[in-house]
Structures are given as structure tokens and as C-alpha cells.
Protein backbone atom coordinates (compact mmCIF):
# COMPACT_ATOMS: atom_id res chain seq x y z
CA MET A 1 111.71 105.70 34.87
CA ASP A 2 114.47 107.43 32.91
CA VAL A 3 117.92 108.24 34.25
CA ASN A 4 117.04 111.89 35.03
CA GLN A 5 114.07 110.78 37.11
CA VAL A 6 116.19 108.23 38.97
CA LEU A 7 118.90 110.82 39.67
CA ALA A 8 116.33 113.39 40.84
CA ARG A 9 114.64 110.83 43.08
CA ALA A 10 117.97 109.70 44.54
CA PHE A 11 119.04 113.31 45.17
CA ALA A 12 115.70 114.19 46.76
CA SER A 13 115.87 111.11 48.96
CA VAL A 14 119.35 111.93 50.24
CA VAL A 15 118.58 115.61 50.81
CA VAL A 16 115.31 114.91 52.60
CA SER A 17 116.93 112.23 54.75
CA ILE A 18 119.62 114.71 55.80
CA ASP A 19 117.04 117.47 56.31
CA LEU A 20 114.81 115.32 58.51
CA THR A 21 117.66 113.91 60.58
CA ASP A 22 117.81 115.12 64.16
CA ASP A 23 120.40 117.86 64.76
CA ASP A 24 122.03 115.60 67.37
CA ASP A 25 122.69 113.00 64.66
CA ILE A 26 123.97 115.36 61.95
CA ASP A 27 125.27 118.80 62.78
CA PRO A 28 123.36 121.40 60.71
CA ASP A 29 126.64 123.02 59.63
CA VAL A 30 127.92 119.67 58.37
CA ALA A 31 124.64 119.06 56.53
CA THR A 32 124.96 122.45 54.85
CA ASP A 33 128.58 121.71 53.89
CA ILE A 34 127.43 118.43 52.31
CA LEU A 35 124.49 119.88 50.38
CA GLU A 36 125.73 123.32 49.35
CA PRO A 37 127.98 122.15 46.48
CA ALA A 38 125.06 120.29 44.87
CA ALA A 39 122.73 123.25 45.38
CA ALA A 40 125.34 125.50 43.73
CA LEU A 41 125.38 123.23 40.67
CA PHE A 42 121.61 123.49 40.37
CA ARG A 43 121.69 127.28 40.76
CA GLY A 44 124.13 127.37 37.85
CA LEU A 45 121.57 125.88 35.48
CA SER A 46 119.75 127.89 32.85
CA GLU A 47 116.19 128.92 33.62
CA GLU A 48 114.98 126.03 31.46
CA GLY A 49 117.21 123.60 33.35
CA ARG A 50 115.92 124.88 36.68
CA ARG A 51 112.34 124.37 35.50
CA GLU A 52 113.15 120.83 34.39
CA VAL A 53 114.76 119.92 37.73
CA THR A 54 111.85 121.53 39.60
CA SER A 55 109.42 119.45 37.54
CA LEU A 56 111.40 116.30 38.36
CA MET A 57 111.32 117.16 42.07
CA LEU A 58 107.55 117.62 41.93
CA GLN A 59 107.26 114.21 40.27
CA CYS A 60 109.34 112.75 43.11
CA ALA A 61 106.97 114.30 45.64
CA GLU A 62 104.00 112.67 43.91
CA LEU A 63 105.65 109.27 44.36
CA GLU A 64 106.31 109.78 48.08
CA ASP A 65 103.91 108.11 50.52
CA ASN A 66 105.30 109.62 53.73
CA PRO A 67 103.61 113.04 54.26
CA GLU A 68 106.60 114.56 56.05
CA ARG A 69 109.03 113.50 53.31
CA LYS A 70 106.56 114.62 50.63
CA ARG A 71 106.35 118.09 52.18
CA ALA A 72 110.15 118.31 52.37
CA ILE A 73 110.49 117.31 48.70
CA LEU A 74 107.90 119.91 47.69
CA GLU A 75 109.99 122.54 49.50
CA LEU A 76 113.24 121.35 47.95
CA PRO A 77 113.24 123.43 44.72
CA GLU A 78 112.99 126.65 46.72
CA ALA A 79 115.44 125.44 49.37
CA ILE A 80 118.20 124.74 46.84
CA GLY A 81 117.63 127.94 44.88
CA LEU A 82 115.88 126.58 41.80
CA LEU A 83 113.06 129.12 42.11
CA SER A 84 115.22 132.18 42.68
CA GLU A 85 115.77 134.46 39.74
CA ASP A 86 119.22 135.77 38.91
């Protein structure tokens, strides 16, 4: 696994863990404040960069055994704005 794959998998793991955490454990506003700066960095990528990160996220989903986490990872590219067109 190359460094980009490791970073993508680590990012996906953290984001999905935050996303799936009960609102009583992590306030949704705090979760957004934590994740928004990273999402903004991804949105600043070129179209090619967005495609590459999306591909890495899909690879992460393939490696996930937990169905709920897998679904959340599959939704991640859209959730962080990788699929939106500027």
C-alpha cells in the first residue's frame, strides 16, 4: 500500500468514525468544525486530483468489512465535495 492509499484510508477511517458516532458523544457542530477544513482542501483540488482522491476512497470502501462503515466511505466523496463541479 503506497503512502497515498494509507493517507486516504486513515482519513476515511477518522471521518467515518466521527460520522457514525452518536450525537450525544460528539456534537454535530463540533464534528463539522473538525472536518470542514479538510473537506475544503479536497474541494480545492483540480478535477484530476478530485478523481484520484475519489478513486482512493472507493478502494478504501472495498477493503472495509463492516457494511455500515463501507456505506459511509462510499458516500464520502460526495459528502466532502469531491463530486461537485465548480
